[in-house]
Every structure is written in C-alpha cells, then in structure tokens.
C-alpha atoms as a PDB file:
ATOM      1  CA  MET A   1      30.226  11.730   7.797  1.00  0.00           C
ATOM      2  CA  ASN A   2      31.735  13.887   5.056  1.00  0.00           C
ATOM      3  CA  THR A   3      33.700  10.904   3.720  1.00  0.00           C
ATOM      4  CA  LEU A   4      30.579   8.741   3.504  1.00  0.00           C
ATOM      5  CA  LEU A   5      28.661  11.550   1.782  1.00  0.00           C
ATOM      6  CA  SER A   6      31.556  12.208  -0.599  1.00  0.00           C
ATOM      7  CA  ASN A   7      31.752   8.504  -1.481  1.00  0.00           C
ATOM      8  CA  PHE A   8      27.998   8.435  -2.161  1.00  0.00           C
ATOM      9  CA  ILE A   9      28.276  11.549  -4.353  1.00  0.00           C
ATOM     10  CA  ASN A  10      31.220  10.084  -6.293  1.00  0.00           C
ATOM     11  CA  LEU A  11      29.389   6.789  -6.825  1.00  0.00           C
ATOM     12  CA  ILE A  12      26.255   8.491  -8.168  1.00  0.00           C
ATOM     13  CA  ASP A  13      28.287  10.933 -10.282  1.00  0.00           C
ATOM     14  CA  SER A  14      30.196   8.002 -11.796  1.00  0.00           C
ATOM     15  CA  LEU A  15      26.991   6.072 -12.484  1.00  0.00           C
ATOM     16  CA  ASN A  16      25.290   8.983 -14.244  1.00  0.00           C
ATOM     17  CA  GLU A  17      28.484   9.859 -16.106  1.00  0.00           C
ATOM     18  CA  PHE A  18      28.656   6.294 -17.442  1.00  0.00           C
ATOM     19  CA  VAL A  19      24.955   6.168 -18.338  1.00  0.00           C
ATOM     20  CA  GLY A  20      25.048   9.627 -19.939  1.00  0.00           C
ATOM     21  CA  LYS A  21      28.052   8.829 -22.121  1.00  0.00           C
ATOM     22  CA  SER A  22      26.570   5.461 -23.057  1.00  0.00           C
ATOM     23  CA  VAL A  23      23.217   6.994 -23.990  1.00  0.00           C
ATOM     24  CA  ALA A  24      24.960   9.664 -26.055  1.00  0.00           C
ATOM     25  CA  TRP A  25      25.798   6.951 -28.598  1.00  0.00           C
ATOM     26  CA  LEU A  26      22.091   6.494 -29.188  1.00  0.00           C
ATOM     27  CA  THR A  27      22.059   9.980 -30.716  1.00  0.00           C
ATOM     28  CA  GLY A  28      24.239   8.807 -33.600  1.00  0.00           C
ATOM     29  CA  ILE A  29      22.069   5.742 -34.101  1.00  0.00           C
ATOM     30  CA  LEU A  30      18.979   7.973 -34.064  1.00  0.00           C
ATOM     31  CA  VAL A  31      20.457  10.262 -36.729  1.00  0.00           C
ATOM     32  CA  LEU A  32      21.280   7.301 -38.985  1.00  0.00           C
ATOM     33  CA  LEU A  33      17.804   5.843 -38.496  1.00  0.00           C
ATOM     34  CA  ILE A  34      16.154   9.166 -39.339  1.00  0.00           C
ATOM     35  CA  CYS A  35      18.311   9.527 -42.465  1.00  0.00           C
ATOM     36  CA  TYR A  36      17.336   6.009 -43.516  1.00  0.00           C
ATOM     37  CA  ASP A  37      13.672   6.798 -42.873  1.00  0.00           C
ATOM     38  CA  VAL A  38      13.785  10.071 -44.821  1.00  0.00           C
ATOM     39  CA  ILE A  39      15.513   8.475 -47.805  1.00  0.00           C
ATOM     40  CA  PHE A  40      13.049   5.606 -47.985  1.00  0.00           C
ATOM     41  CA  ARG A  41      10.014   7.797 -47.316  1.00  0.00           C
ATOM     42  CA  TYR A  42      10.702  10.604 -49.804  1.00  0.00           C
ATOM     43  CA  LEU A  43      12.825   8.986 -52.493  1.00  0.00           C
ATOM     44  CA  LEU A  44      11.259   5.525 -52.573  1.00  0.00           C
ATOM     45  CA  ASN A  45       7.842   6.480 -51.184  1.00  0.00           C
ATOM     46  CA  ASN A  46       8.083   3.714 -48.605  1.00  0.00           C
ATOM     47  CA  THR A  47       8.209   3.733 -44.812  1.00  0.00           C
ATOM     48  CA  GLN A  48       7.768   1.210 -42.050  1.00  0.00           C
ATOM     49  CA  VAL A  49       5.970   1.660 -38.748  1.00  0.00           C
ATOM     50  CA  TRP A  50       8.692   0.032 -36.677  1.00  0.00           C
ATOM     51  CA  ILE A  51      11.236   2.576 -37.924  1.00  0.00           C
ATOM     52  CA  MET A  52       9.122   5.540 -36.847  1.00  0.00           C
ATOM     53  CA  GLU A  53       8.441   3.917 -33.476  1.00  0.00           C
ATOM     54  CA  MET A  54      12.142   3.141 -33.001  1.00  0.00           C
ATOM     55  CA  GLU A  55      12.897   6.822 -33.663  1.00  0.00           C
ATOM     56  CA  TRP A  56      10.694   8.009 -30.801  1.00  0.00           C
ATOM     57  CA  HIS A  57      11.876   5.166 -28.564  1.00  0.00           C
ATOM     58  CA  LEU A  58      15.498   6.190 -29.073  1.00  0.00           C
ATOM     59  CA  PHE A  59      14.647   9.848 -28.467  1.00  0.00           C
ATOM     60  CA  ALA A  60      12.805   8.879 -25.271  1.00  0.00           C
ATOM     61  CA  LEU A  61      15.783   6.822 -24.067  1.00  0.00           C
ATOM     62  CA  ILE A  62      18.184   9.689 -24.733  1.00  0.00           C
ATOM     63  CA  PHE A  63      15.958  12.119 -22.844  1.00  0.00           C
ATOM     64  CA  LEU A  64      14.977   9.861 -19.940  1.00  0.00           C
ATOM     65  CA  LEU A  65      18.278   8.133 -19.255  1.00  0.00           C
ATOM     66  CA  GLY A  66      20.297  11.296 -19.870  1.00  0.00           C
ATOM     67  CA  ALA A  67      18.402  13.449 -17.343  1.00  0.00           C
ATOM     68  CA  GLY A  68      20.671  12.527 -14.414  1.00  0.00           C
ATOM     69  CA  TYR A  69      23.761  13.229 -16.525  1.00  0.00           C
ATOM     70  CA  THR A  70      22.294  16.584 -17.521  1.00  0.00           C
ATOM     71  CA  LEU A  71      21.649  17.507 -13.885  1.00  0.00           C
ATOM     72  CA  LYS A  72      25.160  16.408 -12.904  1.00  0.00           C
ATOM     73  CA  HIS A  73      26.620  18.804 -15.459  1.00  0.00           C
ATOM     74  CA  ASN A  74      24.198  21.590 -14.493  1.00  0.00           C
ATOM     75  CA  ARG A  75      22.729  21.769 -17.994  1.00  0.00           C
ATOM     76  CA  HIS A  76      19.064  21.850 -17.044  1.00  0.00           C
ATOM     77  CA  VAL A  77      16.975  24.880 -17.865  1.00  0.00           C
ATOM     78  CA  ARG A  78      17.307  27.441 -15.122  1.00  0.00           C
ATOM     79  CA  VAL A  79      16.423  31.101 -14.759  1.00  0.00           C
ATOM     80  CA  ASP A  80      19.730  32.624 -13.673  1.00  0.00           C
ATOM     81  CA  LEU A  81      18.493  36.150 -13.096  1.00  0.00           C
ATOM     82  CA  PHE A  82      19.627  36.202  -9.459  1.00  0.00           C
ATOM     83  CA  TYR A  83      21.369  32.869  -9.051  1.00  0.00           C
ATOM     84  CA  ALA A  84      24.406  33.785 -11.157  1.00  0.00           C
ATOM     85  CA  LYS A  85      25.292  36.699  -8.863  1.00  0.00           C
ATOM     86  CA  MET A  86      24.924  34.780  -5.582  1.00  0.00           C
ATOM     87  CA  SER A  87      27.730  33.515  -3.369  1.00  0.00           C
ATOM     88  CA  ALA A  88      28.631  29.815  -3.375  1.00  0.00           C
ATOM     89  CA  LYS A  89      26.816  29.232  -0.049  1.00  0.00           C
ATOM     90  CA  ASP A  90      23.678  31.027  -1.234  1.00  0.00           C
ATOM     91  CA  LYS A  91      23.694  28.946  -4.434  1.00  0.00           C
ATOM     92  CA  ALA A  92      24.133  25.822  -2.323  1.00  0.00           C
ATOM     93  CA  TRP A  93      21.096  26.771  -0.220  1.00  0.00           C
ATOM     94  CA  ILE A  94      19.008  27.336  -3.358  1.00  0.00           C
ATOM     95  CA  ASP A  95      20.182  24.007  -4.805  1.00  0.00           C
ATOM     96  CA  LEU A  96      19.517  22.143  -1.558  1.00  0.00           C
ATOM     97  CA  LEU A  97      16.050  23.592  -1.051  1.00  0.00           C
ATOM     98  CA  GLY A  98      15.139  23.157  -4.706  1.00  0.00           C
ATOM     99  CA  SER A  99      16.224  19.522  -4.597  1.00  0.00           C
ATOM    100  CA  VAL A 100      14.492  18.697  -1.320  1.00  0.00           C
ATOM    101  CA  ILE A 101      11.259  20.609  -1.939  1.00  0.00           C
ATOM    102  CA  PHE A 102      10.774  20.111  -5.676  1.00  0.00           C
ATOM    103  CA  LEU A 103      13.083  17.687  -7.477  1.00  0.00           C
ATOM    104  CA  ILE A 104      13.302  14.752  -5.057  1.00  0.00           C
ATOM    105  CA  PRO A 105       9.532  14.530  -4.388  1.00  0.00           C
ATOM    106  CA  TRP A 106       8.838  14.869  -8.130  1.00  0.00           C
ATOM    107  CA  CYS A 107      11.266  12.037  -8.948  1.00  0.00           C
ATOM    108  CA  LEU A 108       9.735   9.851  -6.237  1.00  0.00           C
ATOM    109  CA  LEU A 109       6.271  10.482  -7.644  1.00  0.00           C
ATOM    110  CA  ILE A 110       7.320   9.687 -11.204  1.00  0.00           C
ATOM    111  CA  ALA A 111       9.235   6.577 -10.102  1.00  0.00           C
ATOM    112  CA  TYR A 112       6.293   5.294  -8.078  1.00  0.00           C
ATOM    113  CA  PHE A 113       3.677   5.661 -10.797  1.00  0.00           C
ATOM    114  CA  SER A 114       5.942   4.682 -13.701  1.00  0.00           C
ATOM    115  CA  PHE A 115       6.856   1.424 -11.972  1.00  0.00           C
ATOM    116  CA  PHE A 116       3.225   0.298 -12.037  1.00  0.00           C
ATOM    117  CA  TYR A 117       2.786   1.704 -15.550  1.00  0.00           C
ATOM    118  CA  ALA A 118       5.664  -0.467 -16.809  1.00  0.00           C
ATOM    119  CA  MET A 119       4.561  -3.493 -14.783  1.00  0.00           C
ATOM    120  CA  ASP A 120       1.058  -3.290 -16.268  1.00  0.00           C
ATOM    121  CA  ALA A 121       2.534  -3.163 -19.775  1.00  0.00           C
ATOM    122  CA  TYR A 122       4.720  -6.191 -18.987  1.00  0.00           C
ATOM    123  CA  THR A 123       1.885  -8.177 -17.380  1.00  0.00           C
ATOM    124  CA  LEU A 124      -0.476  -7.492 -20.273  1.00  0.00           C
ATOM    125  CA  GLY A 125       2.219  -8.227 -22.865  1.00  0.00           C
ATOM    126  CA  GLU A 126       1.527  -4.819 -24.388  1.00  0.00           C
ATOM    127  CA  ILE A 127       2.730  -4.306 -27.942  1.00  0.00           C
ATOM    128  CA  SER A 128       2.387  -1.492 -30.426  1.00  0.00           C
ATOM    129  CA  PRO A 129      -1.212  -0.968 -31.527  1.00  0.00           C
ATOM    130  CA  ASP A 130      -0.001  -0.342 -35.082  1.00  0.00           C
ATOM    131  CA  PRO A 131       0.522  -3.227 -37.507  1.00  0.00           C
ATOM    132  CA  GLY A 132       4.251  -3.707 -37.989  1.00  0.00           C
ATOM    133  CA  GLY A 133       5.036  -1.792 -34.782  1.00  0.00           C
ATOM    134  CA  LEU A 134       7.487  -2.748 -32.086  1.00  0.00           C
ATOM    135  CA  PRO A 135       6.757  -5.505 -29.581  1.00  0.00           C
ATOM    136  CA  ALA A 136       7.435  -5.368 -25.831  1.00  0.00           C
ATOM    137  CA  ARG A 137       6.147  -1.876 -25.087  1.00  0.00           C
ATOM    138  CA  TRP A 138       7.105  -2.471 -21.431  1.00  0.00           C
ATOM    139  CA  ILE A 139      10.766  -1.866 -22.281  1.00  0.00           C
ATOM    140  CA  ILE A 140      10.267   1.787 -23.200  1.00  0.00           C
ATOM    141  CA  LYS A 141       7.840   2.265 -20.318  1.00  0.00           C
ATOM    142  CA  SER A 142      10.459   0.858 -17.938  1.00  0.00           C
ATOM    143  CA  ALA A 143      12.853   3.545 -19.148  1.00  0.00           C
ATOM    144  CA  ILE A 144      10.595   6.127 -17.495  1.00  0.00           C
ATOM    145  CA  PHE A 145      11.129   4.382 -14.155  1.00  0.00           C
ATOM    146  CA  VAL A 146      14.882   3.941 -14.647  1.00  0.00           C
ATOM    147  CA  GLY A 147      15.273   7.564 -15.789  1.00  0.00           C
ATOM    148  CA  ALA A 148      13.356   8.802 -12.731  1.00  0.00           C
ATOM    149  CA  LEU A 149      15.614   6.720 -10.467  1.00  0.00           C
ATOM    150  CA  LEU A 150      18.780   8.026 -12.114  1.00  0.00           C
ATOM    151  CA  LEU A 151      17.515  11.585 -11.793  1.00  0.00           C
ATOM    152  CA  LEU A 152      16.520  10.949  -8.155  1.00  0.00           C
ATOM    153  CA  LEU A 153      19.965   9.591  -7.331  1.00  0.00           C
ATOM    154  CA  GLN A 154      21.621  12.573  -8.989  1.00  0.00           C
ATOM    155  CA  ALA A 155      19.278  14.948  -7.121  1.00  0.00           C
ATOM    156  CA  LEU A 156      20.375  13.313  -3.858  1.00  0.00           C
ATOM    157  CA  ALA A 157      24.025  13.668  -4.908  1.00  0.00           C
ATOM    158  CA  GLU A 158      23.510  17.333  -5.807  1.00  0.00           C
ATOM    159  CA  ALA A 159      21.781  17.932  -2.464  1.00  0.00           C
ATOM    160  CA  GLY A 160      24.782  16.268  -0.811  1.00  0.00           C
ATOM    161  CA  LYS A 161      27.178  18.539  -2.717  1.00  0.00           C
ATOM    162  CA  ALA A 162      25.173  21.548  -1.575  1.00  0.00           C
ATOM    163  CA  LEU A 163      25.293  20.299   2.017  1.00  0.00           C
ATOM    164  CA  LEU A 164      29.075  19.989   1.827  1.00  0.00           C
ATOM    165  CA  VAL A 165      29.342  23.575   0.571  1.00  0.00           C
ATOM    166  CA  ILE A 166      26.995  24.847   3.287  1.00  0.00           C
ATOM    167  CA  ARG A 167      28.928  23.013   6.009  1.00  0.00           C
ATOM    168  CA  GLU A 168      32.306  24.386   4.881  1.00  0.00           C
ATOM    169  CA  PRO A 169      33.888  26.706   7.410  1.00  0.00           C
ATOM    170  CA  LYS A 170      34.191  30.310   6.299  1.00  0.00           C
END
C-alpha cells in the first residue's frame, strides 16, 4: 500500500515539477513582451491589441499551470501562526484535513465548471471581442481546466504525503 502511494506521489510530484519548470520560461517571454509593448507604446506611441492580450494570457498560464508546482514546494499563502510550532504529525493532520475538506473539493468544482466553460468557447469558435485580438479563446480557457487538474493531482499527492507521515510508527 505504501509503495503504491509513494509511486503515485512521485509521479504527480514529477509531473508538476516538469510543468512548473516549463511554465517558468514563460516568465522570461512575458518580460520581453512587456518591454516590447512599453517601448512601442511610450516611445513610438503605438500599441497592438494582440500584444496586450498575449501579456495577460501568458500571466494566466504562469499562474494557472504553476499552481500545482507552487503547492508541491509549499509556497502558497498560509497563516503560520500555529502551524510552524506544531509537530510533524500535527502538521500532517492539518494538511490532510485541509486538502480533503477544502482544496480537493474546490479543485473538483473548478475543474467541472471550467471544462464546460472551455468547451463552450471551443464550440462557439470564440475569439477576442477586440479588433486585432487573439483568436481561439478556448485555449486560454482550457488552461483553467488543466491548471485545476494539476492542482487537484498535487493536492491528492500532498494528502498522500500527510497520510504517510500520520501512519509512521512513533
């Protein structure tokens, strides 16, 4: 049982590690795109809609697809007033209950509704409402679904890690 759970945890950790490091490269692209936009907007008094839309699309991808990576590395916002002073088993209980009661249901809810949100955009052939905007709006809307799934998988892996700590003999 522990071997199966450990293999699942390692698989999900590896997946989110790969996705997180891959998405991190989008940050550099985003910075270059913003610099380009600023130069053209303020020095040449010219900007294009697709550039501004690409900026928020890249930011959304970084945020959405990097959420599982962030959870894996325990970098989410947390109030550590009491948590920091707890024993490893007490922390594991908090992590397990928090995942099962809050995080996993929330990810399931987001995944469920975002799937239909993206499918509607794909079916309708939704594009940017702005002239010169980006086509295929379903791609960015699909990232909400994929990000929720990656976060859900990492939440399950973190719950599994907590279970392993709880089940450790004293």
